[in-house]
N, C-alpha and C. Protein backbone atom coordinates (compact mmCIF):
# COMPACT_ATOMS: atom_id res chain seq x y z
N UNK A 1 -25.16 23.97 -13.76
CA UNK A 1 -25.74 23.33 -14.93
C UNK A 1 -26.06 24.41 -15.98
N UNK A 2 -25.81 24.08 -17.21
CA UNK A 2 -26.07 25.02 -18.32
C UNK A 2 -27.57 25.23 -18.48
N UNK A 3 -27.90 26.38 -19.04
CA UNK A 3 -29.31 26.70 -19.27
C UNK A 3 -29.81 26.10 -20.58
N UNK A 4 -31.13 26.13 -20.73
CA UNK A 4 -31.77 25.57 -21.92
C UNK A 4 -31.22 26.19 -23.20
N UNK A 5 -31.01 27.50 -23.20
CA UNK A 5 -30.49 28.19 -24.38
C UNK A 5 -29.11 27.69 -24.77
N UNK A 6 -28.28 27.39 -23.78
CA UNK A 6 -26.94 26.87 -24.09
C UNK A 6 -27.02 25.48 -24.73
N UNK A 7 -27.94 24.66 -24.24
CA UNK A 7 -28.10 23.33 -24.84
C UNK A 7 -28.65 23.43 -26.26
N UNK A 8 -29.54 24.38 -26.49
CA UNK A 8 -30.07 24.59 -27.84
C UNK A 8 -28.96 25.03 -28.79
N UNK A 9 -28.10 25.93 -28.34
CA UNK A 9 -26.97 26.38 -29.18
C UNK A 9 -26.01 25.23 -29.42
N UNK A 10 -25.76 24.43 -28.40
CA UNK A 10 -24.89 23.27 -28.57
C UNK A 10 -25.48 22.31 -29.60
N UNK A 11 -26.77 22.08 -29.55
CA UNK A 11 -27.41 21.19 -30.54
C UNK A 11 -27.23 21.75 -31.95
N UNK A 12 -27.36 23.06 -32.12
CA UNK A 12 -27.15 23.67 -33.43
C UNK A 12 -25.71 23.49 -33.89
N UNK A 13 -24.77 23.70 -33.01
CA UNK A 13 -23.36 23.56 -33.36
C UNK A 13 -23.01 22.11 -33.70
N UNK A 14 -23.56 21.18 -32.94
CA UNK A 14 -23.28 19.77 -33.21
C UNK A 14 -23.84 19.34 -34.56
N UNK A 15 -24.96 19.92 -34.98
CA UNK A 15 -25.50 19.56 -36.29
C UNK A 15 -24.53 19.98 -37.40
N UNK A 16 -23.73 20.99 -37.16
CA UNK A 16 -22.73 21.43 -38.13
C UNK A 16 -21.53 20.51 -38.23
N UNK A 17 -21.38 19.62 -37.30
CA UNK A 17 -20.25 18.67 -37.32
C UNK A 17 -20.33 17.77 -38.55
N UNK A 18 -21.52 17.57 -39.07
CA UNK A 18 -21.67 16.73 -40.27
C UNK A 18 -20.83 17.28 -41.42
N UNK A 19 -20.74 18.59 -41.54
CA UNK A 19 -19.93 19.19 -42.61
C UNK A 19 -18.46 18.88 -42.41
N UNK A 20 -18.02 18.89 -41.17
CA UNK A 20 -16.62 18.56 -40.87
C UNK A 20 -16.37 17.09 -41.21
N UNK A 21 -17.30 16.23 -40.83
CA UNK A 21 -17.15 14.80 -41.13
C UNK A 21 -17.12 14.54 -42.63
N UNK A 22 -17.96 15.26 -43.38
CA UNK A 22 -17.95 15.09 -44.84
C UNK A 22 -16.61 15.50 -45.42
N UNK A 23 -16.07 16.60 -44.94
CA UNK A 23 -14.78 17.07 -45.45
C UNK A 23 -13.67 16.08 -45.10
N UNK A 24 -13.69 15.52 -43.91
CA UNK A 24 -12.72 14.50 -43.54
C UNK A 24 -12.89 13.25 -44.41
N UNK A 25 -14.13 12.88 -44.70
CA UNK A 25 -14.37 11.70 -45.55
C UNK A 25 -13.84 11.91 -46.96
N UNK A 26 -13.82 13.15 -47.42
CA UNK A 26 -13.29 13.43 -48.76
C UNK A 26 -11.79 13.19 -48.84
N UNK A 27 -11.11 13.09 -47.71
CA UNK A 27 -9.67 12.81 -47.72
C UNK A 27 -9.39 11.33 -47.94
N UNK A 28 -10.43 10.50 -47.87
CA UNK A 28 -10.23 9.06 -48.04
C UNK A 28 -9.87 8.75 -49.49
N UNK A 29 -8.92 7.82 -49.69
CA UNK A 29 -8.60 7.40 -51.07
C UNK A 29 -9.83 6.74 -51.70
N UNK A 30 -9.90 6.77 -53.02
CA UNK A 30 -11.07 6.22 -53.70
C UNK A 30 -11.26 4.73 -53.46
N UNK A 31 -10.18 4.02 -53.19
CA UNK A 31 -10.31 2.57 -52.95
C UNK A 31 -10.61 2.24 -51.49
N UNK A 32 -10.82 3.26 -50.67
CA UNK A 32 -11.09 3.04 -49.25
C UNK A 32 -12.30 3.84 -48.81
N UNK A 33 -13.50 3.30 -49.05
CA UNK A 33 -14.70 4.01 -48.62
C UNK A 33 -14.78 4.10 -47.10
N UNK A 34 -15.68 4.93 -46.63
CA UNK A 34 -15.82 5.19 -45.20
C UNK A 34 -16.02 3.92 -44.38
N UNK A 35 -16.81 2.99 -44.89
CA UNK A 35 -17.05 1.75 -44.15
C UNK A 35 -15.79 0.94 -43.94
N UNK A 36 -14.95 0.87 -44.96
CA UNK A 36 -13.68 0.14 -44.83
C UNK A 36 -12.74 0.85 -43.86
N UNK A 37 -12.73 2.18 -43.92
CA UNK A 37 -11.90 2.95 -42.99
C UNK A 37 -12.36 2.71 -41.55
N UNK A 38 -13.67 2.62 -41.35
CA UNK A 38 -14.20 2.35 -40.01
C UNK A 38 -13.79 0.96 -39.53
N UNK A 39 -13.83 -0.03 -40.42
CA UNK A 39 -13.41 -1.39 -40.06
C UNK A 39 -11.95 -1.39 -39.60
N UNK A 40 -11.08 -0.75 -40.37
CA UNK A 40 -9.66 -0.71 -40.01
C UNK A 40 -9.45 0.00 -38.68
N UNK A 41 -10.12 1.12 -38.50
CA UNK A 41 -9.97 1.89 -37.27
C UNK A 41 -10.43 1.10 -36.06
N UNK A 42 -11.57 0.45 -36.16
CA UNK A 42 -12.09 -0.30 -35.02
C UNK A 42 -11.24 -1.52 -34.70
N UNK A 43 -10.73 -2.20 -35.71
CA UNK A 43 -9.84 -3.33 -35.43
C UNK A 43 -8.55 -2.86 -34.77
N UNK A 44 -8.07 -1.70 -35.17
CA UNK A 44 -6.87 -1.15 -34.54
C UNK A 44 -7.15 -0.77 -33.09
N UNK A 45 -8.28 -0.14 -32.85
CA UNK A 45 -8.61 0.33 -31.49
C UNK A 45 -8.96 -0.79 -30.54
N UNK A 46 -9.68 -1.80 -31.03
CA UNK A 46 -10.21 -2.83 -30.15
C UNK A 46 -9.53 -4.18 -30.29
N UNK A 47 -8.68 -4.33 -31.30
CA UNK A 47 -8.00 -5.60 -31.49
C UNK A 47 -8.84 -6.60 -32.27
N UNK A 48 -8.34 -7.80 -32.37
CA UNK A 48 -9.00 -8.87 -33.11
C UNK A 48 -10.40 -9.10 -32.55
N UNK A 49 -11.34 -9.41 -33.45
CA UNK A 49 -12.71 -9.64 -33.00
C UNK A 49 -13.51 -10.40 -34.04
N UNK A 50 -14.63 -10.91 -33.60
CA UNK A 50 -15.58 -11.55 -34.50
C UNK A 50 -16.36 -10.48 -35.25
N UNK A 51 -16.92 -10.89 -36.38
CA UNK A 51 -17.68 -9.94 -37.20
C UNK A 51 -18.91 -9.41 -36.46
N UNK A 52 -19.51 -10.22 -35.61
CA UNK A 52 -20.67 -9.76 -34.85
C UNK A 52 -20.33 -8.59 -33.94
N UNK A 53 -19.19 -8.67 -33.29
CA UNK A 53 -18.74 -7.57 -32.43
C UNK A 53 -18.45 -6.33 -33.26
N UNK A 54 -17.83 -6.52 -34.42
CA UNK A 54 -17.54 -5.40 -35.31
C UNK A 54 -18.85 -4.72 -35.74
N UNK A 55 -19.85 -5.52 -36.07
CA UNK A 55 -21.15 -4.97 -36.45
C UNK A 55 -21.76 -4.14 -35.32
N UNK A 56 -21.61 -4.61 -34.08
CA UNK A 56 -22.09 -3.83 -32.94
C UNK A 56 -21.38 -2.49 -32.85
N UNK A 57 -20.07 -2.51 -33.00
CA UNK A 57 -19.29 -1.27 -32.91
C UNK A 57 -19.61 -0.32 -34.06
N UNK A 58 -19.84 -0.87 -35.24
CA UNK A 58 -20.20 -0.03 -36.39
C UNK A 58 -21.63 0.47 -36.28
N UNK A 59 -22.45 -0.26 -35.53
CA UNK A 59 -23.87 0.07 -35.37
C UNK A 59 -24.59 0.06 -36.72
N UNK A 60 -24.29 -0.97 -37.52
CA UNK A 60 -24.96 -1.16 -38.79
C UNK A 60 -25.41 -2.61 -38.90
N UNK A 61 -26.26 -2.88 -39.86
CA UNK A 61 -26.77 -4.22 -40.12
C UNK A 61 -25.62 -5.16 -40.47
N UNK A 62 -25.78 -6.43 -40.15
CA UNK A 62 -24.73 -7.42 -40.41
C UNK A 62 -24.40 -7.54 -41.90
N UNK A 63 -25.38 -7.36 -42.78
CA UNK A 63 -25.09 -7.44 -44.21
C UNK A 63 -24.17 -6.30 -44.63
N UNK A 64 -24.36 -5.11 -44.05
CA UNK A 64 -23.49 -3.98 -44.35
C UNK A 64 -22.09 -4.25 -43.79
N UNK A 65 -22.03 -4.76 -42.58
CA UNK A 65 -20.74 -5.10 -41.97
C UNK A 65 -20.01 -6.11 -42.84
N UNK A 66 -20.71 -7.11 -43.31
CA UNK A 66 -20.09 -8.14 -44.17
C UNK A 66 -19.51 -7.54 -45.44
N UNK A 67 -20.22 -6.60 -46.05
CA UNK A 67 -19.70 -5.95 -47.26
C UNK A 67 -18.43 -5.16 -46.96
N UNK A 68 -18.42 -4.44 -45.85
CA UNK A 68 -17.23 -3.67 -45.47
C UNK A 68 -16.04 -4.61 -45.21
N UNK A 69 -16.30 -5.70 -44.52
CA UNK A 69 -15.25 -6.67 -44.21
C UNK A 69 -14.73 -7.31 -45.50
N UNK A 70 -15.63 -7.68 -46.39
CA UNK A 70 -15.21 -8.29 -47.66
C UNK A 70 -14.34 -7.33 -48.45
N UNK A 71 -14.72 -6.07 -48.49
CA UNK A 71 -13.94 -5.06 -49.22
C UNK A 71 -12.53 -4.96 -48.65
N UNK A 72 -12.44 -4.87 -47.33
CA UNK A 72 -11.12 -4.73 -46.68
C UNK A 72 -10.30 -6.01 -46.84
N UNK A 73 -10.94 -7.16 -46.77
CA UNK A 73 -10.21 -8.43 -46.91
C UNK A 73 -9.70 -8.61 -48.34
N UNK A 74 -10.50 -8.23 -49.32
CA UNK A 74 -10.08 -8.36 -50.73
C UNK A 74 -8.82 -7.54 -51.03
N UNK A 75 -8.63 -6.48 -50.29
CA UNK A 75 -7.46 -5.62 -50.50
C UNK A 75 -6.29 -5.98 -49.59
N UNK A 76 -6.49 -7.02 -48.78
CA UNK A 76 -5.42 -7.49 -47.91
C UNK A 76 -5.23 -6.65 -46.65
N UNK A 77 -6.21 -5.80 -46.34
CA UNK A 77 -6.08 -4.93 -45.17
C UNK A 77 -6.43 -5.66 -43.88
N UNK A 78 -7.26 -6.68 -44.00
CA UNK A 78 -7.60 -7.51 -42.83
C UNK A 78 -7.55 -8.97 -43.25
N UNK A 79 -7.43 -9.83 -42.27
CA UNK A 79 -7.51 -11.27 -42.55
C UNK A 79 -8.59 -11.87 -41.66
N UNK A 80 -9.18 -12.94 -42.17
CA UNK A 80 -10.21 -13.67 -41.45
C UNK A 80 -9.66 -15.05 -41.17
N UNK A 81 -9.56 -15.39 -39.90
CA UNK A 81 -9.06 -16.72 -39.55
C UNK A 81 -10.07 -17.42 -38.65
N UNK A 82 -10.02 -18.76 -38.63
CA UNK A 82 -10.98 -19.50 -37.79
C UNK A 82 -10.83 -19.12 -36.32
N UNK A 83 -11.96 -19.02 -35.65
CA UNK A 83 -11.98 -18.76 -34.21
C UNK A 83 -11.68 -20.07 -33.49
N UNK A 84 -10.61 -20.12 -32.70
CA UNK A 84 -10.28 -21.37 -32.00
C UNK A 84 -11.40 -21.86 -31.09
N UNK A 85 -12.19 -20.93 -30.56
CA UNK A 85 -13.27 -21.30 -29.65
C UNK A 85 -14.51 -21.79 -30.38
N UNK A 86 -14.66 -21.44 -31.65
CA UNK A 86 -15.83 -21.82 -32.43
C UNK A 86 -15.43 -21.82 -33.90
N UNK A 87 -15.13 -22.97 -34.43
CA UNK A 87 -14.62 -23.09 -35.81
C UNK A 87 -15.58 -22.56 -36.87
N UNK A 88 -16.86 -22.37 -36.51
CA UNK A 88 -17.81 -21.82 -37.47
C UNK A 88 -17.64 -20.31 -37.62
N UNK A 89 -17.01 -19.69 -36.64
CA UNK A 89 -16.83 -18.23 -36.64
C UNK A 89 -15.44 -17.87 -37.12
N UNK A 90 -15.30 -16.63 -37.53
CA UNK A 90 -14.01 -16.09 -37.98
C UNK A 90 -13.60 -14.94 -37.07
N UNK A 91 -12.30 -14.84 -36.88
CA UNK A 91 -11.72 -13.72 -36.16
C UNK A 91 -11.12 -12.77 -37.19
N UNK A 92 -11.43 -11.50 -37.07
CA UNK A 92 -10.91 -10.49 -37.98
C UNK A 92 -9.67 -9.86 -37.35
N UNK A 93 -8.66 -9.67 -38.18
CA UNK A 93 -7.38 -9.14 -37.70
C UNK A 93 -6.83 -8.16 -38.72
N UNK A 94 -6.33 -7.05 -38.25
CA UNK A 94 -5.68 -6.06 -39.10
C UNK A 94 -4.33 -6.62 -39.56
N UNK A 95 -4.03 -6.51 -40.84
CA UNK A 95 -2.75 -6.98 -41.39
C UNK A 95 -1.75 -5.82 -41.41
N UNK A 96 -0.48 -6.12 -41.63
CA UNK A 96 0.50 -5.03 -41.78
C UNK A 96 0.13 -4.07 -42.93
N UNK A 97 -0.42 -4.60 -44.01
CA UNK A 97 -0.86 -3.75 -45.12
C UNK A 97 -2.02 -2.86 -44.64
N UNK A 98 -2.91 -3.42 -43.85
CA UNK A 98 -4.03 -2.66 -43.31
C UNK A 98 -3.55 -1.58 -42.35
N UNK A 99 -2.56 -1.91 -41.55
CA UNK A 99 -2.00 -0.92 -40.62
C UNK A 99 -1.37 0.23 -41.40
N UNK A 100 -0.68 -0.10 -42.49
CA UNK A 100 -0.08 0.95 -43.33
C UNK A 100 -1.17 1.83 -43.94
N UNK A 101 -2.27 1.21 -44.40
CA UNK A 101 -3.37 1.98 -44.95
C UNK A 101 -3.97 2.89 -43.87
N UNK A 102 -4.13 2.35 -42.67
CA UNK A 102 -4.67 3.14 -41.57
C UNK A 102 -3.75 4.31 -41.22
N UNK A 103 -2.46 4.08 -41.25
CA UNK A 103 -1.50 5.17 -41.01
C UNK A 103 -1.65 6.27 -42.06
N UNK A 104 -1.87 5.87 -43.31
CA UNK A 104 -2.08 6.85 -44.38
C UNK A 104 -3.37 7.64 -44.13
N UNK A 105 -4.44 6.96 -43.73
CA UNK A 105 -5.70 7.64 -43.45
C UNK A 105 -5.54 8.64 -42.32
N UNK A 106 -4.81 8.23 -41.30
CA UNK A 106 -4.56 9.11 -40.16
C UNK A 106 -3.78 10.34 -40.58
N UNK A 107 -2.78 10.14 -41.42
CA UNK A 107 -1.98 11.27 -41.91
C UNK A 107 -2.84 12.23 -42.70
N UNK A 108 -3.70 11.70 -43.56
CA UNK A 108 -4.57 12.56 -44.37
C UNK A 108 -5.50 13.39 -43.49
N UNK A 109 -6.10 12.74 -42.48
CA UNK A 109 -7.00 13.46 -41.58
C UNK A 109 -6.25 14.51 -40.77
N UNK A 110 -5.07 14.14 -40.30
CA UNK A 110 -4.26 15.07 -39.53
C UNK A 110 -3.83 16.26 -40.37
N UNK A 111 -3.45 16.01 -41.61
CA UNK A 111 -3.05 17.10 -42.51
C UNK A 111 -4.21 18.07 -42.74
N UNK A 112 -5.41 17.55 -42.95
CA UNK A 112 -6.56 18.41 -43.17
C UNK A 112 -6.86 19.25 -41.93
N UNK A 113 -6.84 18.59 -40.77
CA UNK A 113 -7.10 19.33 -39.53
C UNK A 113 -6.05 20.40 -39.30
N UNK A 114 -4.79 20.09 -39.56
CA UNK A 114 -3.72 21.07 -39.39
C UNK A 114 -3.92 22.25 -40.34
N UNK A 115 -4.36 21.97 -41.55
CA UNK A 115 -4.61 23.03 -42.53
C UNK A 115 -5.76 23.92 -42.09
N UNK A 116 -6.88 23.30 -41.72
CA UNK A 116 -8.09 24.06 -41.39
C UNK A 116 -8.01 24.75 -40.04
N UNK A 117 -7.23 24.19 -39.11
CA UNK A 117 -7.14 24.77 -37.76
C UNK A 117 -5.79 25.44 -37.54
N UNK A 118 -5.11 25.75 -38.62
CA UNK A 118 -3.77 26.35 -38.54
C UNK A 118 -3.72 27.66 -37.79
N UNK A 119 -4.83 28.40 -37.76
CA UNK A 119 -4.83 29.68 -37.06
C UNK A 119 -5.32 29.54 -35.61
N UNK A 120 -5.54 28.31 -35.17
CA UNK A 120 -5.91 28.05 -33.78
C UNK A 120 -4.63 27.91 -32.96
N UNK A 121 -4.69 28.30 -31.70
CA UNK A 121 -3.53 28.11 -30.80
C UNK A 121 -3.48 26.64 -30.37
N UNK A 122 -2.32 26.22 -29.90
CA UNK A 122 -2.19 24.87 -29.37
C UNK A 122 -3.18 24.64 -28.23
N UNK A 123 -3.37 25.66 -27.42
CA UNK A 123 -4.30 25.54 -26.30
C UNK A 123 -5.73 25.33 -26.78
N UNK A 124 -6.12 26.06 -27.83
CA UNK A 124 -7.48 25.92 -28.37
C UNK A 124 -7.71 24.53 -28.96
N UNK A 125 -6.73 24.02 -29.70
CA UNK A 125 -6.86 22.67 -30.27
C UNK A 125 -6.94 21.64 -29.15
N UNK A 126 -6.08 21.79 -28.15
CA UNK A 126 -6.10 20.87 -27.01
C UNK A 126 -7.42 20.92 -26.25
N UNK A 127 -7.93 22.13 -26.06
CA UNK A 127 -9.20 22.28 -25.36
C UNK A 127 -10.34 21.62 -26.14
N UNK A 128 -10.37 21.82 -27.45
CA UNK A 128 -11.40 21.18 -28.27
C UNK A 128 -11.29 19.66 -28.17
N UNK A 129 -10.09 19.13 -28.27
CA UNK A 129 -9.90 17.68 -28.19
C UNK A 129 -10.37 17.15 -26.83
N UNK A 130 -10.02 17.84 -25.76
CA UNK A 130 -10.45 17.40 -24.42
C UNK A 130 -11.97 17.44 -24.27
N UNK A 131 -12.57 18.53 -24.75
CA UNK A 131 -14.02 18.65 -24.62
C UNK A 131 -14.75 17.63 -25.48
N UNK A 132 -14.24 17.36 -26.68
CA UNK A 132 -14.88 16.35 -27.52
C UNK A 132 -14.75 14.96 -26.90
N UNK A 133 -13.60 14.69 -26.32
CA UNK A 133 -13.41 13.41 -25.63
C UNK A 133 -14.38 13.28 -24.46
N UNK A 134 -14.54 14.35 -23.73
CA UNK A 134 -15.47 14.35 -22.59
C UNK A 134 -16.90 14.16 -23.08
N UNK A 135 -17.26 14.81 -24.19
CA UNK A 135 -18.60 14.65 -24.77
C UNK A 135 -18.84 13.20 -25.15
N UNK A 136 -17.86 12.59 -25.82
CA UNK A 136 -18.01 11.18 -26.21
C UNK A 136 -18.17 10.30 -24.99
N UNK A 137 -17.40 10.57 -23.95
CA UNK A 137 -17.50 9.79 -22.72
C UNK A 137 -18.88 9.95 -22.09
N UNK A 138 -19.41 11.16 -22.11
CA UNK A 138 -20.74 11.41 -21.54
C UNK A 138 -21.82 10.62 -22.27
N UNK A 139 -21.60 10.36 -23.54
CA UNK A 139 -22.57 9.60 -24.32
C UNK A 139 -22.23 8.11 -24.34
N UNK A 140 -21.18 7.70 -23.65
CA UNK A 140 -20.83 6.29 -23.58
C UNK A 140 -20.34 5.72 -24.88
N UNK A 141 -19.64 6.51 -25.70
CA UNK A 141 -19.16 6.04 -26.99
C UNK A 141 -18.18 4.89 -26.81
N UNK A 142 -18.54 3.73 -27.32
CA UNK A 142 -17.70 2.55 -27.17
C UNK A 142 -16.50 2.56 -28.11
N UNK A 143 -16.45 3.51 -29.05
CA UNK A 143 -15.35 3.54 -30.01
C UNK A 143 -14.16 4.35 -29.51
N UNK A 144 -14.34 5.16 -28.47
CA UNK A 144 -13.22 5.98 -28.02
C UNK A 144 -12.23 5.14 -27.23
N UNK A 145 -10.96 5.37 -27.50
CA UNK A 145 -9.89 4.67 -26.79
C UNK A 145 -8.68 5.56 -26.68
N UNK A 146 -7.60 4.96 -26.28
CA UNK A 146 -6.37 5.70 -26.02
C UNK A 146 -5.58 6.05 -27.27
N UNK A 147 -5.65 5.28 -28.33
CA UNK A 147 -4.78 5.47 -29.49
C UNK A 147 -5.31 6.56 -30.40
N UNK A 148 -4.43 7.38 -30.90
CA UNK A 148 -4.81 8.40 -31.86
C UNK A 148 -5.04 7.72 -33.20
N UNK A 149 -6.20 7.94 -33.75
CA UNK A 149 -6.55 7.33 -35.03
C UNK A 149 -7.40 8.32 -35.80
N UNK A 150 -7.56 8.08 -37.10
CA UNK A 150 -8.40 9.01 -37.85
C UNK A 150 -9.83 8.93 -37.36
N UNK A 151 -10.58 9.97 -37.55
CA UNK A 151 -11.98 9.92 -37.16
C UNK A 151 -12.68 8.76 -37.86
N UNK A 152 -13.58 8.14 -37.16
CA UNK A 152 -14.30 7.02 -37.74
C UNK A 152 -15.50 7.56 -38.50
N UNK A 153 -15.45 7.52 -39.83
CA UNK A 153 -16.61 7.98 -40.59
C UNK A 153 -17.78 7.04 -40.34
N UNK A 154 -18.97 7.56 -40.46
CA UNK A 154 -20.12 6.71 -40.31
C UNK A 154 -20.07 5.63 -41.38
N UNK A 155 -20.32 4.42 -40.99
CA UNK A 155 -20.28 3.30 -41.92
C UNK A 155 -21.60 3.23 -42.68
N UNK A 156 -21.53 3.52 -43.95
CA UNK A 156 -22.70 3.43 -44.80
C UNK A 156 -22.28 2.80 -46.11
N UNK A 157 -23.25 2.58 -46.96
CA UNK A 157 -22.92 2.05 -48.28
C UNK A 157 -22.76 3.17 -49.28
N UNK A 158 -22.83 4.42 -48.82
CA UNK A 158 -22.67 5.57 -49.70
C UNK A 158 -21.19 5.87 -49.87
N UNK A 159 -20.89 6.69 -50.84
CA UNK A 159 -19.51 7.07 -51.08
C UNK A 159 -19.03 8.00 -49.98
N UNK A 160 -17.72 8.06 -49.70
CA UNK A 160 -17.21 8.89 -48.62
C UNK A 160 -17.65 10.35 -48.74
N UNK A 161 -17.76 10.87 -49.94
CA UNK A 161 -18.14 12.26 -50.12
C UNK A 161 -19.58 12.52 -49.71
N UNK A 162 -20.39 11.47 -49.65
CA UNK A 162 -21.80 11.64 -49.32
C UNK A 162 -22.13 11.24 -47.90
N UNK A 163 -21.14 10.87 -47.12
CA UNK A 163 -21.45 10.43 -45.76
C UNK A 163 -21.62 11.59 -44.84
């Protein structure tokens, strides 16, 4: 087991991750704020779902979730259809246009990471990815899955540059 000093250093290093997340958020197009990017990513990772489930995954208030969903739906990135099990509810689904937008977001994030980590070896990048995946698993992150997707920015009502 690691010592107290190692955990303290890890906590300091993890606090610096916010700067990395902000830089990744700056790669988002102006018409796709962080909350909308998170909606697309989660629908891709978890499949069709009700807005309540999406709100749980985003870990934000339902009013914030509704704004993010409305933004994505207005742009044709997602569709809302009646839930066959409960006609009062809607099922959210990623559209082909939304999938294309998500592919663009993934490319932008990948390009930035390749630029910033260009002097890292393949082994170092792989090791970081494995350790981050293990860290997320240790914390029970419900957003982690098998598909490679852009990082999920924190869903807020702020602009991507301020997240």
